[in-house]
Amino acid sequence: MSVTHSPEMHAQLIARIPTVTGRELSEWFDTLEEGPGLSRCLERTNWLADEYNLSHGYAQAIVQEYDRRRRNRTPIPNQRT
């Protein structure tokens, strides 16, 4: 079962992550990048929750925020010399 948080709830979860987990959001993003190559959101959420003993709510918020920020990155255009 997949649960999507409201934008307000998501923002609250993201704001509390450093306090609740003792790690900054950027550290969690690094953990996701260095972790197993899981492609589905639910797989990454379950892995993060199980591996780091996080609640599924916080794990899901981390994964969703990571995906959101990754989607919004502006690609660097190819440079020709």
PDB file of N, CA and C in Angstrom:
ATOM      1  N   MET A   1       0.839  -1.173   0.000  1.00  0.00           N
ATOM      2  CA  MET A   1       0.000   0.000   0.000  1.00  0.00           C
ATOM      3  C   MET A   1       0.888   1.243   0.000  1.00  0.00           C
ATOM      4  N   SER A   2       0.655   2.129  -0.925  1.00  0.00           N
ATOM      5  CA  SER A   2       1.421   3.352  -1.035  1.00  0.00           C
ATOM      6  C   SER A   2       0.620   4.509  -0.455  1.00  0.00           C
ATOM      7  N   VAL A   3       1.280   5.316   0.351  1.00  0.00           N
ATOM      8  CA  VAL A   3       0.638   6.467   0.960  1.00  0.00           C
ATOM      9  C   VAL A   3       1.359   7.714   0.470  1.00  0.00           C
ATOM     10  N   THR A   4       0.595   8.672   0.006  1.00  0.00           N
ATOM     11  CA  THR A   4       1.178   9.938  -0.405  1.00  0.00           C
ATOM     12  C   THR A   4       0.776  10.982   0.613  1.00  0.00           C
ATOM     13  N   HIS A   5       1.776  11.663   1.136  1.00  0.00           N
ATOM     14  CA  HIS A   5       1.492  12.698   2.122  1.00  0.00           C
ATOM     15  C   HIS A   5       1.008  13.965   1.424  1.00  0.00           C
ATOM     16  N   SER A   6       0.194  14.734   2.131  1.00  0.00           N
ATOM     17  CA  SER A   6      -0.203  16.043   1.618  1.00  0.00           C
ATOM     18  C   SER A   6       1.048  16.915   1.561  1.00  0.00           C
ATOM     19  N   PRO A   7       1.049  17.957   0.749  1.00  0.00           N
ATOM     20  CA  PRO A   7       2.218  18.849   0.704  1.00  0.00           C
ATOM     21  C   PRO A   7       2.571  19.422   2.076  1.00  0.00           C
ATOM     22  N   GLU A   8       1.569  19.714   2.884  1.00  0.00           N
ATOM     23  CA  GLU A   8       1.833  20.266   4.216  1.00  0.00           C
ATOM     24  C   GLU A   8       2.500  19.238   5.125  1.00  0.00           C
ATOM     25  N   MET A   9       1.969  18.014   5.109  1.00  0.00           N
ATOM     26  CA  MET A   9       2.542  16.946   5.928  1.00  0.00           C
ATOM     27  C   MET A   9       3.964  16.629   5.460  1.00  0.00           C
ATOM     28  N   HIS A  10       4.167  16.588   4.158  1.00  0.00           N
ATOM     29  CA  HIS A  10       5.495  16.317   3.612  1.00  0.00           C
ATOM     30  C   HIS A  10       6.489  17.373   4.107  1.00  0.00           C
ATOM     31  N   ALA A  11       6.103  18.640   4.036  1.00  0.00           N
ATOM     32  CA  ALA A  11       6.978  19.730   4.490  1.00  0.00           C
ATOM     33  C   ALA A  11       7.301  19.589   5.980  1.00  0.00           C
ATOM     34  N   GLN A  12       6.324  19.195   6.773  1.00  0.00           N
ATOM     35  CA  GLN A  12       6.552  19.018   8.207  1.00  0.00           C
ATOM     36  C   GLN A  12       7.511  17.859   8.468  1.00  0.00           C
ATOM     37  N   LEU A  13       7.323  16.752   7.762  1.00  0.00           N
ATOM     38  CA  LEU A  13       8.217  15.603   7.924  1.00  0.00           C
ATOM     39  C   LEU A  13       9.643  15.971   7.533  1.00  0.00           C
ATOM     40  N   ILE A  14       9.798  16.645   6.399  1.00  0.00           N
ATOM     41  CA  ILE A  14      11.131  17.040   5.929  1.00  0.00           C
ATOM     42  C   ILE A  14      11.810  17.953   6.943  1.00  0.00           C
ATOM     43  N   ALA A  15      11.065  18.893   7.506  1.00  0.00           N
ATOM     44  CA  ALA A  15      11.632  19.826   8.485  1.00  0.00           C
ATOM     45  C   ALA A  15      12.093  19.114   9.753  1.00  0.00           C
ATOM     46  N   ARG A  16      11.436  18.025  10.116  1.00  0.00           N
ATOM     47  CA  ARG A  16      11.767  17.312  11.365  1.00  0.00           C
ATOM     48  C   ARG A  16      12.842  16.249  11.195  1.00  0.00           C
ATOM     49  N   ILE A  17      13.197  15.907   9.972  1.00  0.00           N
ATOM     50  CA  ILE A  17      14.139  14.805   9.747  1.00  0.00           C
ATOM     51  C   ILE A  17      15.453  14.970  10.504  1.00  0.00           C
ATOM     52  N   PRO A  18      16.117  16.127  10.451  1.00  0.00           N
ATOM     53  CA  PRO A  18      17.389  16.231  11.193  1.00  0.00           C
ATOM     54  C   PRO A  18      17.226  15.994  12.698  1.00  0.00           C
ATOM     55  N   THR A  19      16.155  16.492  13.269  1.00  0.00           N
ATOM     56  CA  THR A  19      15.918  16.317  14.707  1.00  0.00           C
ATOM     57  C   THR A  19      15.604  14.872  15.051  1.00  0.00           C
ATOM     58  N   VAL A  20      14.751  14.257  14.270  1.00  0.00           N
ATOM     59  CA  VAL A  20      14.293  12.896  14.555  1.00  0.00           C
ATOM     60  C   VAL A  20      15.374  11.856  14.254  1.00  0.00           C
ATOM     61  N   THR A  21      16.115  12.059  13.162  1.00  0.00           N
ATOM     62  CA  THR A  21      17.073  11.037  12.729  1.00  0.00           C
ATOM     63  C   THR A  21      18.509  11.324  13.134  1.00  0.00           C
ATOM     64  N   GLY A  22      18.806  12.585  13.463  1.00  0.00           N
ATOM     65  CA  GLY A  22      20.187  12.946  13.794  1.00  0.00           C
ATOM     66  C   GLY A  22      21.052  13.134  12.558  1.00  0.00           C
ATOM     67  N   ARG A  23      20.452  13.125  11.395  1.00  0.00           N
ATOM     68  CA  ARG A  23      21.184  13.303  10.131  1.00  0.00           C
ATOM     69  C   ARG A  23      20.475  14.334   9.275  1.00  0.00           C
ATOM     70  N   GLU A  24      21.270  15.129   8.567  1.00  0.00           N
ATOM     71  CA  GLU A  24      20.710  16.119   7.650  1.00  0.00           C
ATOM     72  C   GLU A  24      20.136  15.429   6.427  1.00  0.00           C
ATOM     73  N   LEU A  25      19.243  16.114   5.755  1.00  0.00           N
ATOM     74  CA  LEU A  25      18.623  15.582   4.554  1.00  0.00           C
ATOM     75  C   LEU A  25      19.667  15.250   3.491  1.00  0.00           C
ATOM     76  N   SER A  26      20.671  16.087   3.347  1.00  0.00           N
ATOM     77  CA  SER A  26      21.722  15.830   2.353  1.00  0.00           C
ATOM     78  C   SER A  26      22.454  14.517   2.639  1.00  0.00           C
ATOM     79  N   GLU A  27      22.596  14.170   3.912  1.00  0.00           N
ATOM     80  CA  GLU A  27      23.227  12.897   4.268  1.00  0.00           C
ATOM     81  C   GLU A  27      22.351  11.724   3.839  1.00  0.00           C
ATOM     82  N   TRP A  28      21.033  11.879   3.996  1.00  0.00           N
ATOM     83  CA  TRP A  28      20.120  10.825   3.555  1.00  0.00           C
ATOM     84  C   TRP A  28      20.152  10.682   2.045  1.00  0.00           C
ATOM     85  N   PHE A  29      20.271  11.820   1.336  1.00  0.00           N
ATOM     86  CA  PHE A  29      20.372  11.756  -0.127  1.00  0.00           C
ATOM     87  C   PHE A  29      21.636  11.000  -0.537  1.00  0.00           C
ATOM     88  N   ASP A  30      22.747  11.264   0.151  1.00  0.00           N
ATOM     89  CA  ASP A  30      23.993  10.535  -0.129  1.00  0.00           C
ATOM     90  C   ASP A  30      23.797   9.040   0.122  1.00  0.00           C
ATOM     91  N   THR A  31      23.088   8.707   1.192  1.00  0.00           N
ATOM     92  CA  THR A  31      22.821   7.306   1.518  1.00  0.00           C
ATOM     93  C   THR A  31      22.027   6.641   0.398  1.00  0.00           C
ATOM     94  N   LEU A  32      21.031   7.327  -0.120  1.00  0.00           N
ATOM     95  CA  LEU A  32      20.247   6.772  -1.227  1.00  0.00           C
ATOM     96  C   LEU A  32      21.107   6.580  -2.473  1.00  0.00           C
ATOM     97  N   GLU A  33      21.975   7.531  -2.751  1.00  0.00           N
ATOM     98  CA  GLU A  33      22.827   7.424  -3.936  1.00  0.00           C
ATOM     99  C   GLU A  33      23.841   6.292  -3.811  1.00  0.00           C
ATOM    100  N   GLU A  34      24.309   6.042  -2.597  1.00  0.00           N
ATOM    101  CA  GLU A  34      25.311   5.002  -2.372  1.00  0.00           C
ATOM    102  C   GLU A  34      24.686   3.637  -2.101  1.00  0.00           C
ATOM    103  N   GLY A  35      23.382   3.603  -1.898  1.00  0.00           N
ATOM    104  CA  GLY A  35      22.692   2.366  -1.555  1.00  0.00           C
ATOM    105  C   GLY A  35      22.490   1.473  -2.769  1.00  0.00           C
ATOM    106  N   PRO A  36      21.733   0.411  -2.574  1.00  0.00           N
ATOM    107  CA  PRO A  36      21.483  -0.520  -3.682  1.00  0.00           C
ATOM    108  C   PRO A  36      20.716   0.180  -4.806  1.00  0.00           C
ATOM    109  N   GLY A  37      20.894  -0.287  -5.998  1.00  0.00           N
ATOM    110  CA  GLY A  37      20.274   0.319  -7.176  1.00  0.00           C
ATOM    111  C   GLY A  37      18.804  -0.027  -7.326  1.00  0.00           C
ATOM    112  N   LEU A  38      18.018   0.321  -6.346  1.00  0.00           N
ATOM    113  CA  LEU A  38      16.580   0.059  -6.398  1.00  0.00           C
ATOM    114  C   LEU A  38      15.911   1.192  -7.165  1.00  0.00           C
ATOM    115  N   SER A  39      14.991   0.857  -8.051  1.00  0.00           N
ATOM    116  CA  SER A  39      14.393   1.895  -8.886  1.00  0.00           C
ATOM    117  C   SER A  39      13.017   2.351  -8.403  1.00  0.00           C
ATOM    118  N   ARG A  40      12.267   1.468  -7.776  1.00  0.00           N
ATOM    119  CA  ARG A  40      10.914   1.828  -7.350  1.00  0.00           C
ATOM    120  C   ARG A  40      10.936   2.558  -6.010  1.00  0.00           C
ATOM    121  N   CYS A  41      10.061   3.552  -5.899  1.00  0.00           N
ATOM    122  CA  CYS A  41       9.973   4.355  -4.682  1.00  0.00           C
ATOM    123  C   CYS A  41       9.713   3.478  -3.450  1.00  0.00           C
ATOM    124  N   LEU A  42       8.790   2.542  -3.574  1.00  0.00           N
ATOM    125  CA  LEU A  42       8.457   1.683  -2.444  1.00  0.00           C
ATOM    126  C   LEU A  42       9.641   0.814  -2.030  1.00  0.00           C
ATOM    127  N   GLU A  43      10.394   0.314  -2.993  1.00  0.00           N
ATOM    128  CA  GLU A  43      11.581  -0.496  -2.674  1.00  0.00           C
ATOM    129  C   GLU A  43      12.613   0.331  -1.915  1.00  0.00           C
ATOM    130  N   ARG A  44      12.858   1.550  -2.384  1.00  0.00           N
ATOM    131  CA  ARG A  44      13.837   2.405  -1.704  1.00  0.00           C
ATOM    132  C   ARG A  44      13.344   2.819  -0.329  1.00  0.00           C
ATOM    133  N   THR A  45      12.042   3.078  -0.210  1.00  0.00           N
ATOM    134  CA  THR A  45      11.461   3.424   1.092  1.00  0.00           C
ATOM    135  C   THR A  45      11.620   2.269   2.067  1.00  0.00           C
ATOM    136  N   ASN A  46      11.269   1.054   1.646  1.00  0.00           N
ATOM    137  CA  ASN A  46      11.395  -0.120   2.517  1.00  0.00           C
ATOM    138  C   ASN A  46      12.844  -0.368   2.900  1.00  0.00           C
ATOM    139  N   TRP A  47      13.759  -0.230   1.945  1.00  0.00           N
ATOM    140  CA  TRP A  47      15.179  -0.441   2.238  1.00  0.00           C
ATOM    141  C   TRP A  47      15.665   0.570   3.273  1.00  0.00           C
ATOM    142  N   LEU A  48      15.339   1.844   3.070  1.00  0.00           N
ATOM    143  CA  LEU A  48      15.772   2.888   3.996  1.00  0.00           C
ATOM    144  C   LEU A  48      15.187   2.652   5.385  1.00  0.00           C
ATOM    145  N   ALA A  49      13.913   2.326   5.449  1.00  0.00           N
ATOM    146  CA  ALA A  49      13.259   2.089   6.741  1.00  0.00           C
ATOM    147  C   ALA A  49      13.873   0.884   7.455  1.00  0.00           C
ATOM    148  N   ASP A  50      14.090  -0.195   6.723  1.00  0.00           N
ATOM    149  CA  ASP A  50      14.621  -1.412   7.332  1.00  0.00           C
ATOM    150  C   ASP A  50      16.099  -1.272   7.708  1.00  0.00           C
ATOM    151  N   GLU A  51      16.868  -0.712   6.816  1.00  0.00           N
ATOM    152  CA  GLU A  51      18.323  -0.617   7.019  1.00  0.00           C
ATOM    153  C   GLU A  51      18.692   0.373   8.126  1.00  0.00           C
ATOM    154  N   TYR A  52      17.920   1.452   8.251  1.00  0.00           N
ATOM    155  CA  TYR A  52      18.273   2.519   9.194  1.00  0.00           C
ATOM    156  C   TYR A  52      17.248   2.695  10.303  1.00  0.00           C
ATOM    157  N   ASN A  53      16.343   1.734  10.432  1.00  0.00           N
ATOM    158  CA  ASN A  53      15.352   1.735  11.503  1.00  0.00           C
ATOM    159  C   ASN A  53      14.552   3.039  11.545  1.00  0.00           C
ATOM    160  N   LEU A  54      14.102   3.480  10.373  1.00  0.00           N
ATOM    161  CA  LEU A  54      13.266   4.668  10.273  1.00  0.00           C
ATOM    162  C   LEU A  54      11.807   4.253  10.162  1.00  0.00           C
ATOM    163  N   SER A  55      10.922   5.135  10.569  1.00  0.00           N
ATOM    164  CA  SER A  55       9.514   4.875  10.304  1.00  0.00           C
ATOM    165  C   SER A  55       9.312   4.980   8.796  1.00  0.00           C
ATOM    166  N   HIS A  56       8.304   4.292   8.292  1.00  0.00           N
ATOM    167  CA  HIS A  56       8.038   4.346   6.861  1.00  0.00           C
ATOM    168  C   HIS A  56       7.635   5.753   6.423  1.00  0.00           C
ATOM    169  N   GLY A  57       7.009   6.507   7.311  1.00  0.00           N
ATOM    170  CA  GLY A  57       6.626   7.884   6.975  1.00  0.00           C
ATOM    171  C   GLY A  57       7.837   8.750   6.678  1.00  0.00           C
ATOM    172  N   TYR A  58       8.850   8.681   7.546  1.00  0.00           N
ATOM    173  CA  TYR A  58      10.059   9.473   7.322  1.00  0.00           C
ATOM    174  C   TYR A  58      10.853   8.937   6.132  1.00  0.00           C
ATOM    175  N   ALA A  59      10.942   7.635   6.015  1.00  0.00           N
ATOM    176  CA  ALA A  59      11.662   7.053   4.881  1.00  0.00           C
ATOM    177  C   ALA A  59      11.017   7.470   3.570  1.00  0.00           C
ATOM    178  N   GLN A  60       9.697   7.421   3.509  1.00  0.00           N
ATOM    179  CA  GLN A  60       8.996   7.815   2.291  1.00  0.00           C
ATOM    180  C   GLN A  60       9.204   9.294   1.998  1.00  0.00           C
ATOM    181  N   ALA A  61       9.164  10.137   3.022  1.00  0.00           N
ATOM    182  CA  ALA A  61       9.370  11.572   2.816  1.00  0.00           C
ATOM    183  C   ALA A  61      10.771  11.838   2.256  1.00  0.00           C
ATOM    184  N   ILE A  62      11.778  11.126   2.767  1.00  0.00           N
ATOM    185  CA  ILE A  62      13.150  11.289   2.277  1.00  0.00           C
ATOM    186  C   ILE A  62      13.232  10.890   0.808  1.00  0.00           C
ATOM    187  N   VAL A  63      12.681   9.742   0.472  1.00  0.00           N
ATOM    188  CA  VAL A  63      12.732   9.248  -0.911  1.00  0.00           C
ATOM    189  C   VAL A  63      11.977  10.189  -1.845  1.00  0.00           C
ATOM    190  N   GLN A  64      10.804  10.633  -1.442  1.00  0.00           N
ATOM    191  CA  GLN A  64      10.020  11.537  -2.289  1.00  0.00           C
ATOM    192  C   GLN A  64      10.730  12.870  -2.492  1.00  0.00           C
ATOM    193  N   GLU A  65      11.336  13.395  -1.435  1.00  0.00           N
ATOM    194  CA  GLU A  65      12.053  14.666  -1.564  1.00  0.00           C
ATOM    195  C   GLU A  65      13.284  14.504  -2.439  1.00  0.00           C
ATOM    196  N   TYR A  66      13.982  13.391  -2.292  1.00  0.00           N
ATOM    197  CA  TYR A  66      15.137  13.105  -3.141  1.00  0.00           C
ATOM    198  C   TYR A  66      14.709  13.059  -4.611  1.00  0.00           C
ATOM    199  N   ASP A  67      13.633  12.343  -4.895  1.00  0.00           N
ATOM    200  CA  ASP A  67      13.130  12.242  -6.268  1.00  0.00           C
ATOM    201  C   ASP A  67      12.681  13.600  -6.799  1.00  0.00           C
ATOM    202  N   ARG A  68      11.998  14.372  -5.973  1.00  0.00           N
ATOM    203  CA  ARG A  68      11.519  15.691  -6.392  1.00  0.00           C
ATOM    204  C   ARG A  68      12.685  16.599  -6.760  1.00  0.00           C
ATOM    205  N   ARG A  69      13.696  16.621  -5.914  1.00  0.00           N
ATOM    206  CA  ARG A  69      14.852  17.480  -6.187  1.00  0.00           C
ATOM    207  C   ARG A  69      15.637  16.984  -7.392  1.00  0.00           C
ATOM    208  N   ARG A  70      15.712  15.697  -7.539  1.00  0.00           N
ATOM    209  CA  ARG A  70      16.433  15.133  -8.680  1.00  0.00           C
ATOM    210  C   ARG A  70      15.732  15.479  -9.999  1.00  0.00           C
ATOM    211  N   ARG A  71      14.406  15.417  -9.998  1.00  0.00           N
ATOM    212  CA  ARG A  71      13.634  15.779 -11.197  1.00  0.00           C
ATOM    213  C   ARG A  71      13.819  17.240 -11.558  1.00  0.00           C
ATOM    214  N   ASN A  72      13.994  18.096 -10.569  1.00  0.00           N
ATOM    215  CA  ASN A  72      14.080  19.536 -10.801  1.00  0.00           C
ATOM    216  C   ASN A  72      15.482  20.019 -11.145  1.00  0.00           C
ATOM    217  N   ARG A  73      16.452  19.131 -11.145  1.00  0.00           N
ATOM    218  CA  ARG A  73      17.812  19.538 -11.530  1.00  0.00           C
ATOM    219  C   ARG A  73      17.817  19.937 -12.998  1.00  0.00           C
ATOM    220  N   THR A  74      18.548  20.981 -13.280  1.00  0.00           N
ATOM    221  CA  THR A  74      18.677  21.428 -14.658  1.00  0.00           C
ATOM    222  C   THR A  74      19.879  20.730 -15.271  1.00  0.00           C
ATOM    223  N   PRO A  75      19.675  20.005 -16.364  1.00  0.00           N
ATOM    224  CA  PRO A  75      20.824  19.333 -16.975  1.00  0.00           C
ATOM    225  C   PRO A  75      21.802  20.357 -17.547  1.00  0.00           C
ATOM    226  N   ILE A  76      23.067  19.998 -17.490  1.00  0.00           N
ATOM    227  CA  ILE A  76      24.120  20.854 -18.040  1.00  0.00           C
ATOM    228  C   ILE A  76      24.193  20.573 -19.537  1.00  0.00           C
ATOM    229  N   PRO A  77      24.046  21.614 -20.364  1.00  0.00           N
ATOM    230  CA  PRO A  77      24.103  21.390 -21.808  1.00  0.00           C
ATOM    231  C   PRO A  77      25.501  20.931 -22.241  1.00  0.00           C
ATOM    232  N   ASN A  78      25.544  20.168 -23.301  1.00  0.00           N
ATOM    233  CA  ASN A  78      26.844  19.728 -23.840  1.00  0.00           C
ATOM    234  C   ASN A  78      27.608  20.932 -24.332  1.00  0.00           C
ATOM    235  N   GLN A  79      28.869  20.982 -23.970  1.00  0.00           N
ATOM    236  CA  GLN A  79      29.715  22.089 -24.406  1.00  0.00           C
ATOM    237  C   GLN A  79      30.625  21.592 -25.502  1.00  0.00           C
ATOM    238  N   ARG A  80      30.708  22.368 -26.537  1.00  0.00           N
ATOM    239  CA  ARG A  80      31.611  22.024 -27.637  1.00  0.00           C
ATOM    240  C   ARG A  80      32.759  23.006 -27.635  1.00  0.00           C
ATOM    241  N   THR A  81      33.939  22.461 -27.840  1.00  0.00           N
ATOM    242  CA  THR A  81      35.126  23.331 -27.883  1.00  0.00           C
ATOM    243  C   THR A  81      35.690  23.424 -29.254  1.00  0.00           C
TER     244      THR A  81
END
